[in-house]
Protein backbone atom coordinates (compact mmCIF):
# COMPACT_ATOMS: atom_id res chain seq x y z
CA MET A 1 0.12 -0.07 -0.21
CA ASN A 2 1.61 4.07 -0.82
CA ARG A 3 1.54 6.67 1.55
CA LEU A 4 0.56 9.29 -0.85
CA LYS A 5 -3.02 9.72 1.48
CA GLU A 6 -1.07 10.31 4.61
CA LEU A 7 1.59 12.27 3.21
CA ARG A 8 -1.57 13.96 1.79
CA LYS A 9 -3.23 14.09 5.27
CA GLN A 10 0.16 15.24 6.96
CA LYS A 11 0.22 18.53 4.48
CA GLY A 12 -2.97 18.86 5.52
CA LEU A 13 -4.46 19.11 1.71
CA THR A 14 -7.21 18.20 0.20
CA LEU A 15 -7.03 15.37 -2.94
CA VAL A 16 -8.60 18.42 -5.04
CA GLU A 17 -5.69 21.05 -3.00
CA LEU A 18 -3.31 18.42 -4.03
CA GLY A 19 -3.99 18.17 -7.83
CA LYS A 20 -3.59 21.98 -8.54
CA LYS A 21 0.47 21.73 -6.72
CA VAL A 22 1.45 18.16 -8.32
CA ASN A 23 -1.21 19.22 -11.66
CA LEU A 24 -2.52 16.36 -11.25
CA ALA A 25 -6.35 15.19 -11.71
CA ASN A 26 -7.34 14.48 -8.43
CA ASN A 27 -9.58 11.86 -8.97
CA THR A 28 -6.57 10.26 -10.59
CA LEU A 29 -4.81 11.32 -6.92
CA SER A 30 -7.75 9.51 -5.50
CA GLN A 31 -7.43 6.48 -7.23
CA TYR A 32 -3.17 5.94 -7.86
CA GLU A 33 -4.33 6.44 -3.73
CA ARG A 34 -6.94 3.48 -3.48
CA GLY A 35 -4.15 1.26 -5.57
CA VAL A 36 -6.83 1.16 -8.32
CA ARG A 37 -3.99 2.73 -11.28
CA GLU A 38 -0.22 2.73 -10.95
CA PRO A 39 1.74 5.78 -12.02
CA LYS A 40 4.38 5.97 -14.62
CA LEU A 41 7.47 6.18 -13.09
CA LYS A 42 7.89 9.89 -13.44
CA THR A 43 4.60 10.47 -11.58
CA TRP A 44 6.47 8.67 -9.20
CA GLU A 45 8.62 11.18 -8.48
CA LYS A 46 7.12 14.56 -9.26
CA LEU A 47 5.09 13.54 -5.64
CA ALA A 48 8.01 11.80 -3.49
CA ASN A 49 10.13 15.35 -5.08
CA PHE A 50 6.50 17.08 -3.39
CA PHE A 51 6.39 15.28 -0.29
CA GLY A 52 10.23 15.30 0.50
CA VAL A 53 10.70 11.85 0.50
CA SER A 54 11.69 8.83 -1.41
CA VAL A 55 9.87 6.51 -3.79
CA ALA A 56 10.88 4.05 -2.62
CA TYR A 57 9.11 5.07 0.64
CA LEU A 58 6.29 6.74 -1.11
CA ILE A 59 4.88 2.93 -2.48
CA GLY A 60 5.64 1.61 0.43
CA GLU A 61 8.44 -0.59 0.32
CA SER A 62 11.48 0.84 2.61
CA ASN A 63 10.53 2.96 5.67
CA ILE A 64 13.82 5.28 4.96
CA LYS A 65 12.61 8.16 4.43
CA GLU A 66 14.92 10.71 3.23
CA PRO A 67 14.45 12.64 -0.92
CA TYR A 68 14.69 10.93 -3.62
CA ASN A 69 18.28 10.40 -4.71
CA LYS A 70 21.03 8.41 -6.85
CA TRP A 71 19.56 5.05 -5.66
CA SER A 72 16.01 5.81 -5.21
CA LYS A 73 15.43 4.30 -8.97
CA ALA A 74 16.90 1.19 -8.70
CA ASP A 75 15.36 1.18 -5.25
CA PHE A 76 12.18 1.31 -7.52
CA LEU A 77 12.92 -0.83 -10.04
CA TYR A 78 13.31 -3.28 -7.43
CA SER A 79 10.46 -2.69 -5.52
CA GLU A 80 9.01 -2.67 -9.01
CA TYR A 81 9.59 -6.52 -9.91
CA LEU A 82 8.88 -7.42 -6.50
CA ARG A 83 5.37 -5.90 -7.51
CA LEU A 84 5.30 -7.97 -10.08
CA SER A 85 6.27 -10.88 -9.10
CA ASP A 86 3.85 -11.50 -6.25
CA LYS A 87 1.24 -10.18 -8.72
CA LEU A 88 2.69 -13.72 -11.10
CA GLU A 89 1.98 -15.73 -7.53
CA THR A 90 -0.51 -14.48 -7.39
CA GLU A 91 -2.43 -15.04 -10.72
CA TYR A 92 -0.84 -19.15 -10.74
CA GLU A 93 -2.66 -19.09 -7.06
CA ALA A 94 -5.77 -18.56 -8.36
CA TYR A 95 -4.89 -20.13 -11.31
CA LEU A 96 -4.37 -23.80 -8.64
CA SER A 97 -7.53 -23.25 -6.70
CA GLU A 98 -9.41 -23.16 -10.33
CA PHE A 99 -7.07 -25.90 -11.15
CA SER A 100 -8.78 -27.87 -7.85
CA ASP A 101 -11.90 -27.11 -8.18
CA LYS A 102 -11.98 -28.54 -12.08
CA ILE A 103 -10.38 -31.63 -10.79
CA LYS A 104 -12.80 -32.06 -8.01
CA ASP A 105 -15.16 -31.51 -9.89
CA ILE A 106 -14.84 -34.25 -12.66
CA ASN A 107 -14.28 -36.69 -9.77
CA THR A 108 -17.62 -36.02 -7.36
CA ILE A 109 -19.68 -37.15 -9.70
CA GLU A 110 -19.09 -40.56 -9.83
CA ASN A 111 -21.39 -43.04 -9.49
CA PRO A 112 -21.22 -46.68 -9.08
CA ASN A 113 -23.38 -47.18 -12.22
CA ASP A 114 -20.93 -45.34 -13.81
CA ASP A 115 -19.62 -48.01 -16.57
CA GLU A 116 -16.04 -48.46 -17.27
CA ASN A 117 -17.04 -46.03 -20.93
CA THR A 118 -17.87 -43.27 -18.57
CA LEU A 119 -14.54 -43.89 -15.76
CA ASN A 120 -12.57 -43.58 -19.23
CA HIS A 121 -14.26 -40.55 -20.25
CA ARG A 122 -13.02 -39.29 -16.63
CA ILE A 123 -9.61 -40.36 -16.16
CA GLY A 124 -9.60 -38.63 -20.26
CA LYS A 125 -10.30 -35.39 -18.44
CA THR A 126 -8.91 -35.87 -15.95
CA PHE A 127 -4.99 -36.27 -17.33
CA ASN A 128 -6.17 -33.17 -20.06
CA LEU A 129 -6.78 -30.56 -17.57
CA LEU A 130 -2.82 -31.93 -15.76
CA PHE A 131 -1.29 -32.11 -19.47
CA GLN A 132 -2.72 -28.47 -19.89
CA ALA A 133 -1.54 -27.35 -15.85
CA GLU A 134 1.64 -28.71 -17.18
CA LYS A 135 1.52 -26.04 -19.74
CA ASP A 136 0.02 -23.19 -18.22
CA LEU A 137 2.52 -23.73 -15.59
CA LEU A 138 5.48 -23.68 -17.94
CA GLU A 139 4.38 -20.79 -19.50
CA TYR A 140 4.90 -19.32 -15.41
CA LYS A 141 7.90 -20.08 -15.72
CA GLN A 142 8.27 -18.49 -18.83
CA LYS A 143 6.80 -14.89 -17.75
CA HIS A 144 8.82 -15.35 -14.41
CA ILE A 145 11.98 -15.36 -16.02
CA GLU A 146 11.49 -12.22 -18.65
CA LEU A 147 10.23 -10.62 -15.60
CA GLU A 148 13.64 -11.70 -13.90
CA ILE A 149 15.87 -10.88 -17.02
CA LYS A 150 14.26 -7.57 -18.23
CA GLN A 151 14.71 -6.53 -14.14
CA SER A 152 18.73 -7.74 -14.25
CA GLU A 153 18.53 -6.04 -18.31
CA ARG A 154 16.94 -2.68 -16.40
CA LEU A 155 19.33 -2.83 -13.61
CA ALA A 156 22.38 -2.98 -15.63
CA ARG A 157 21.37 1.10 -17.93
CA TYR A 158 20.50 1.85 -14.95
CA GLU A 159 24.09 1.07 -13.21
CA ASP A 160 25.36 2.22 -16.57
CA ARG A 161 23.48 5.81 -16.38
CA THR A 162 24.75 6.17 -13.47
CA GLY A 163 28.35 4.19 -13.27
CA GLU A 164 27.64 2.48 -10.00
């Protein structure tokens, strides 16, 4: 959870007042505060500079309040990576739960009078789901690897520019 609302209230500002000071629409700021919409890095930097805090502090990824410095962008990049990684994990957990429910649905309709064809059909559906799950797991792992590569490349470009 970001700290935008907390910092705005500490300064005694309404959304309209803050919007005028940072040149952003108050409904956009409201969406940022509620986590409905995610600002771009430049917007986080603008807001962090206005409040005199680090971007990492503003987005809630660090308790270090110091204003923006050369490490803030690296911190932000890492925080963004963690956020996207967590999002992938959450999506995959939801997928696994849905998968588990599908397997249960297939196998709880068992009837003692089921013939061999019905049982074979049920087994076939279960295996199809398992193969699909394996394929989806590989796609999830690929997305995660791509995210890690992208993060490494972004940090490398940042380090090249800053000499760190």
